[in-house]
Amino acid sequence: MGICTNTRSRFSRSEESIDAGDWKQVSVALAIATGRRMAEIHHAATKFEYVEPRYVLFTGQLKARGDAAIYFQQNPSYLIPVLVDGSLVVKGHQWLKSNGLVATSPPLASRVFGGSLGQLMKQKRQDWGISHPYFTYKALRAIYAVALTG
């Protein structure tokens, strides 16, 4: 997909070369590369820490229930596999933070960034000729899962 490729090449050059208007593409690239939710990516408390090229340490899990909720409460940081070099994930997320593109709470992150990101996904669906109405930001988690296991 063009979003990940374009973002990866921009991060490879330098953070300064990314235009502030590209924040939505950075967000989508992070969602595809990490499988994280929009509210996780745009929450100020979220952390991605480099471990090795294919893994980052993630802190900021939302929506855990039952045994998973207990686990994440006891282990707030855990390794996740990534689809691009882990250093790019860390750099991309830090860029969002440095540019004020995070919110103080997950619900606020959804309210502040959801509309713009929804519009971008609608536009990409049209640009790429995807007729499926559920090609949304939320669906990027499924792309991550298929790419990771496929």
Foldseek 3Di string as FASTA:
>chain_A
DVLLVVLVVQVVVHLVSDDPVCLLSLLLNLCLFFLDAQLLLQAPPWAWAADWQFKTWIARDPDDDDPRVVVCVVVRIDITTTPGTSVSSRSSSVSCVVSVRHDNGSVVSCVVCVVVSQVVQVVVCVVVVPPDPPSGSNCSSVSNVVVVVD
